[in-house]
Protein backbone atom coordinates (compact mmCIF):
# COMPACT_ATOMS: atom_id res chain seq x y z
CA MET A 1 11.30 9.80 23.40
CA SER A 2 9.70 12.53 25.46
CA THR A 3 7.19 12.16 28.30
CA ASN A 4 5.58 15.57 28.18
CA VAL A 5 1.92 15.92 29.04
CA LEU A 6 -0.71 15.50 26.33
CA TYR A 7 -0.19 17.84 23.39
CA GLY A 8 -1.30 17.48 19.77
CA ILE A 9 -4.38 17.08 17.58
CA GLY A 10 -3.91 13.56 16.16
CA GLN A 11 -5.32 10.15 16.97
CA PRO A 12 -4.14 7.82 19.75
CA ARG A 13 -1.52 5.32 18.55
CA PHE A 14 -0.14 2.07 19.93
CA TYR A 15 3.07 0.47 18.68
CA ILE A 16 3.62 -3.14 19.69
CA LYS A 17 6.74 -5.16 18.95
CA ALA A 18 5.89 -8.60 17.59
CA PRO A 19 7.71 -11.49 15.87
CA SER A 20 7.57 -11.89 12.11
CA ILE A 21 4.74 -13.96 10.61
CA LEU A 22 6.04 -13.92 7.04
CA PHE A 23 7.19 -17.53 7.47
CA ALA A 24 3.59 -18.63 7.03
CA TYR A 25 3.60 -17.82 3.33
CA SER A 26 5.24 -19.89 0.62
CA ALA A 27 5.11 -16.97 -1.82
CA VAL A 28 3.98 -13.36 -1.94
CA ALA A 29 2.91 -11.46 -5.04
CA ILE A 30 2.00 -7.79 -5.46
CA THR A 31 -1.13 -7.07 -7.48
CA SER A 32 -1.72 -4.18 -9.83
CA ASN A 33 -3.77 -2.49 -7.11
CA SER A 34 -1.19 -0.78 -4.91
CA CYS A 35 -3.14 -1.44 -1.70
CA GLU A 36 -3.54 -5.20 -2.12
CA PHE A 37 -1.32 -8.22 -2.32
CA THR A 38 -1.98 -11.94 -2.55
CA VAL A 39 -0.36 -14.80 -0.71
CA VAL A 40 -0.02 -18.47 -1.56
CA ALA A 41 -0.98 -20.42 1.52
CA ASN A 42 -2.97 -23.39 2.77
CA PRO A 43 -6.80 -23.33 2.91
CA ASN A 44 -8.05 -20.91 5.59
CA MET A 45 -4.46 -19.95 6.39
CA LEU A 46 -5.22 -16.25 6.84
CA ALA A 47 -8.23 -16.87 9.09
CA ASN A 48 -6.25 -19.34 11.20
CA LEU A 49 -3.27 -17.02 11.34
CA ASP A 50 -5.49 -14.12 12.41
CA ALA A 51 -7.04 -16.26 15.14
CA SER A 52 -3.64 -17.24 16.55
CA ARG A 53 -1.36 -14.28 15.72
CA ILE A 54 -3.73 -11.38 14.75
CA LEU A 55 -3.32 -9.84 11.27
CA VAL A 56 -5.15 -6.50 11.44
CA SER A 57 -2.85 -3.52 12.17
CA ARG A 58 0.31 -5.50 11.39
CA ILE A 59 3.03 -3.54 9.59
CA VAL A 60 3.94 -4.90 6.16
CA SER A 61 7.43 -4.00 4.93
CA GLY A 62 8.57 -4.14 1.33
CA VAL A 63 11.13 -2.86 -1.14
CA THR A 64 10.28 -0.93 -4.28
CA ALA A 65 11.84 -1.51 -7.71
CA GLY A 66 14.14 1.41 -6.89
CA ASN A 67 15.32 -0.38 -3.71
CA VAL A 68 13.41 1.97 -1.35
CA ILE A 69 11.92 0.54 1.85
CA THR A 70 8.16 1.10 2.06
CA THR A 71 5.59 0.06 4.68
CA GLY A 72 1.82 -0.17 5.14
CA ASN A 73 -0.70 -1.36 7.73
CA ILE A 74 -3.02 -4.32 7.24
CA ILE A 75 -6.65 -3.22 7.49
CA SER A 76 -8.38 -6.44 6.38
CA PHE A 77 -7.91 -9.78 4.62
CA ALA A 78 -9.96 -12.35 2.70
CA ASP A 79 -9.62 -16.13 2.34
CA ASN A 80 -11.49 -16.20 -0.97
CA SER A 81 -10.20 -19.58 -2.14
CA ASP A 82 -7.18 -21.87 -1.96
CA THR A 83 -5.44 -19.75 -4.58
CA GLU A 84 -6.90 -16.31 -3.85
CA LYS A 85 -5.94 -14.87 -0.49
CA TRP A 86 -6.03 -11.09 -0.38
CA VAL A 87 -4.41 -8.83 2.18
CA TYR A 88 -5.50 -5.17 2.13
CA ILE A 89 -3.43 -2.33 3.53
CA ASP A 90 -4.16 1.36 4.10
CA SER A 91 -1.39 2.80 1.89
CA TRP A 92 2.33 2.47 1.19
CA THR A 93 4.63 5.06 2.74
CA HIS A 94 7.10 5.23 -0.17
CA GLY A 95 5.36 3.70 -3.17
CA THR A 96 4.25 0.21 -4.16
CA PRO A 97 6.80 -2.48 -3.29
CA ALA A 98 8.17 -4.93 -5.81
CA THR A 99 8.61 -7.52 -3.05
CA ILE A 100 7.30 -8.03 0.49
CA THR A 101 10.14 -8.45 2.99
CA ASP A 102 8.38 -8.79 6.36
CA ILE A 103 5.10 -8.72 8.29
CA LYS A 104 5.55 -8.23 12.02
CA ASP A 105 4.97 -5.31 14.44
CA PHE A 106 1.59 -3.68 15.12
CA GLN A 107 0.82 0.00 14.61
CA ILE A 108 -2.70 0.76 15.83
CA ASP A 109 -4.09 4.21 15.02
CA LEU A 110 -7.42 4.40 16.80
CA PRO A 111 -10.14 6.91 15.92
CA MET A 112 -10.45 9.99 18.10
CA CYS A 113 -12.06 9.06 21.41
CA GLN A 114 -14.71 11.01 23.28
CA ILE A 115 -12.22 11.85 26.04
CA LEU A 116 -8.47 11.28 26.26
CA LEU A 117 -7.51 11.80 29.89
CA ASN A 118 -4.00 11.84 31.36
CA GLU A 119 -3.74 11.24 35.13
CA PRO A 120 -0.14 11.22 36.45
CA GLU A 121 -0.13 9.22 39.69
CA PRO A 122 2.51 10.00 42.32
CA ASP A 123 4.50 7.18 43.89
CA PHE A 124 5.08 8.41 47.43
CA ILE A 125 6.23 6.85 50.67
CA VAL A 126 4.41 8.60 53.50
CA ARG A 127 5.68 8.36 57.08
CA LYS A 128 4.10 9.95 60.12
CA LEU A 129 6.86 10.89 62.53
CA TYR A 130 6.67 10.58 66.30
CA GLY A 131 6.22 14.32 66.73
CA GLY A 132 3.20 14.33 64.37
CA ALA A 133 4.89 15.68 61.26
CA ILE A 134 4.30 13.86 57.98
CA ASP A 135 7.38 13.05 55.93
CA ILE A 136 6.75 12.38 52.23
CA TYR A 137 9.41 10.74 50.09
CA LYS A 138 8.64 11.32 46.41
CA ARG A 139 9.91 8.39 44.32
CA GLY A 140 8.37 9.45 41.00
CA PHE A 141 5.21 9.35 38.92
CA TYR A 142 3.30 6.85 36.76
CA HIS A 143 1.23 8.20 33.89
CA ASN A 144 -2.30 6.78 33.76
CA TRP A 145 -4.44 7.23 30.65
CA ILE A 146 -8.13 6.79 29.90
CA LEU A 147 -9.29 6.45 26.29
CA ASP A 148 -13.05 6.84 26.49
CA TYR A 149 -15.10 5.19 23.73
CA SER A 150 -18.04 4.53 26.05
CA GLY A 151 -20.51 6.48 23.93
CA TYR A 152 -19.95 4.47 20.76
CA ALA A 153 -17.39 1.98 19.47
CA THR A 154 -17.51 0.10 16.18
CA ALA A 155 -16.60 -3.53 15.60
CA GLN A 156 -13.55 -2.24 13.72
CA ILE A 157 -12.24 -0.55 16.89
CA LEU A 158 -12.66 -3.79 18.86
CA ASN A 159 -10.77 -5.69 16.18
CA MET A 160 -7.95 -3.13 16.22
CA ILE A 161 -7.36 -3.36 19.99
CA ARG A 162 -7.16 -7.17 20.12
CA PRO A 163 -3.35 -7.16 20.62
CA LEU A 164 -3.80 -5.10 23.81
CA TYR A 165 -5.95 -7.80 25.39
CA THR A 166 -3.78 -10.88 24.95
CA ILE A 167 -1.12 -12.37 27.21
CA VAL A 168 1.37 -12.41 24.32
CA TYR A 169 2.20 -8.70 24.17
CA LYS A 170 3.05 -6.25 26.94
CA ASP A 171 4.92 -2.99 27.50
CA PHE A 172 3.72 -1.42 24.26
CA ILE A 173 4.53 2.13 23.21
CA PHE A 174 1.61 4.55 23.54
CA TYR A 175 1.57 7.81 21.58
CA PRO A 176 -1.30 9.99 22.91
CA ARG A 177 -1.34 11.90 19.58
CA ASN A 178 0.05 10.34 16.41
CA ASP A 179 0.85 13.76 14.94
CA ASN A 180 3.27 14.36 17.82
CA THR A 181 5.38 11.22 18.16
CA ASN A 182 7.85 13.21 20.28
CA ILE A 183 5.59 12.25 23.20
CA SER A 184 5.36 8.55 24.05
CA PHE A 185 5.02 6.24 27.04
CA ILE A 186 5.67 2.56 27.73
CA ALA A 187 2.31 1.34 28.99
CA ASP A 188 -0.08 -1.56 29.49
CA ILE A 189 -3.78 -2.05 30.19
CA THR A 190 -5.18 -1.92 33.72
CA ASN A 191 -8.95 -2.34 33.48
CA LYS A 192 -11.39 -5.09 32.67
CA LEU A 193 -13.28 -4.80 29.39
CA SER A 194 -16.93 -3.72 29.75
CA LEU A 195 -19.14 -3.71 26.66
CA SER A 196 -22.80 -3.52 25.82
CA GLN A 197 -24.26 -4.01 22.37
CA LEU A 198 -26.48 -1.44 20.72
CA SER A 199 -29.79 -2.40 19.14
CA PHE A 200 -29.69 -4.22 15.80
CA ASN A 201 -25.92 -4.85 16.12
CA GLN A 202 -25.08 -1.21 15.34
CA GLY A 203 -22.01 -0.98 17.56
CA HIS A 204 -21.06 -1.08 21.23
CA LYS A 205 -21.18 1.17 24.28
CA GLY A 206 -19.17 1.19 27.47
CA LEU A 207 -15.68 0.71 26.02
CA SER A 208 -12.95 2.42 28.04
CA ILE A 209 -9.26 1.63 27.56
CA ASN A 210 -7.39 2.31 30.79
CA LEU A 211 -3.59 2.39 30.68
CA ILE A 212 -0.81 2.69 33.20
CA GLY A 213 2.73 3.70 32.38
CA THR A 214 4.98 0.81 33.33
CA ARG A 215 8.03 3.00 33.87
CA ARG A 216 8.31 5.34 36.84
CA LEU A 217 9.26 8.85 35.79
CA PRO A 218 11.05 11.48 37.90
CA GLU A 219 8.64 14.31 37.10
CA VAL A 220 5.39 15.30 35.43
CA ASN A 221 6.73 17.23 32.46
CA LEU A 222 4.26 20.07 31.91
CA THR A 223 6.32 21.63 29.13
CA PRO A 224 4.66 21.23 25.69
CA ALA A 225 6.68 19.23 23.20
CA ALA A 226 7.45 20.86 19.85
CA LEU A 227 4.56 20.76 17.39
CA THR A 228 3.29 23.13 14.71
CA LEU A 229 -0.43 23.83 14.88
CA PRO A 230 -2.57 26.29 12.92
CA ASP A 231 -2.69 29.85 14.23
CA GLY A 232 -5.52 30.93 16.47
CA PHE A 233 -6.10 28.12 18.93
CA GLY A 234 -4.70 29.43 22.20
CA TYR A 235 -1.49 30.67 23.69
CA GLU A 236 1.72 31.20 21.77
CA PRO A 237 3.61 28.85 21.30
CA PHE A 238 0.48 26.70 21.76
CA GLY A 239 -1.12 27.73 18.46
CA ALA A 240 -1.91 31.46 18.58
CA SER A 241 0.19 34.15 16.94
CA ASP A 242 0.79 37.85 17.48
CA SER A 243 -1.02 38.62 14.23
CA ASN A 244 -4.02 36.46 15.05
CA PRO A 245 -4.16 35.96 18.85
CA PHE A 246 -6.94 34.01 20.51
CA GLY A 247 -5.51 34.50 23.98
CA ASP A 248 -2.54 36.01 25.71
CA THR A 249 0.98 35.62 24.38
CA ILE A 250 3.41 33.91 26.70
């Protein structure tokens, strides 16, 4: 894990450790559609489980017929009837599983926000000495983050961030850019949730997710973490190249 400053072009990601909820199912069967599976459960089991444990963004683990571990994220579910309960995932990482082995942690990949702001906050002890000099003892830094969705946020975004706003989970892993998982922070929320609804139920305004790093760090690491980006977007090694420079070469 690295704690470099923001660098990358991907979406914000949260990873939250959570207990398994597979115990709730008496059987699991894979359907012919690779992005769906059904569960045998009691009436309204999925809706009740979502209300108490949250289903969306959970990681589903399975094993393929070739004994390869594969995973996917839950994006929705449907309690169609007592015998038809569908769980839909985004995709499988290594092919369709023959069996489901677990459903537990959350991986939340949010859409790009309007602004992703990093504000490292110093933790100083300041003492004014008798002679008038100020003595500053630097103890470290806490990384604050603001994910600004105040212009527009869909109901899907609100559903995805539910695990952040419960008392059950804390100290989650925050990846500012999911294409650069070298950079991550242990963080938690700090702000109240402010929302206003747009006309005709077309979304929400005012959403801002404020985070604070819950681990004090010894420095603000301004060195960019390794990542390959297309040529022509700044300084080398920040994206430009000698053959196609859009800025000076470092």
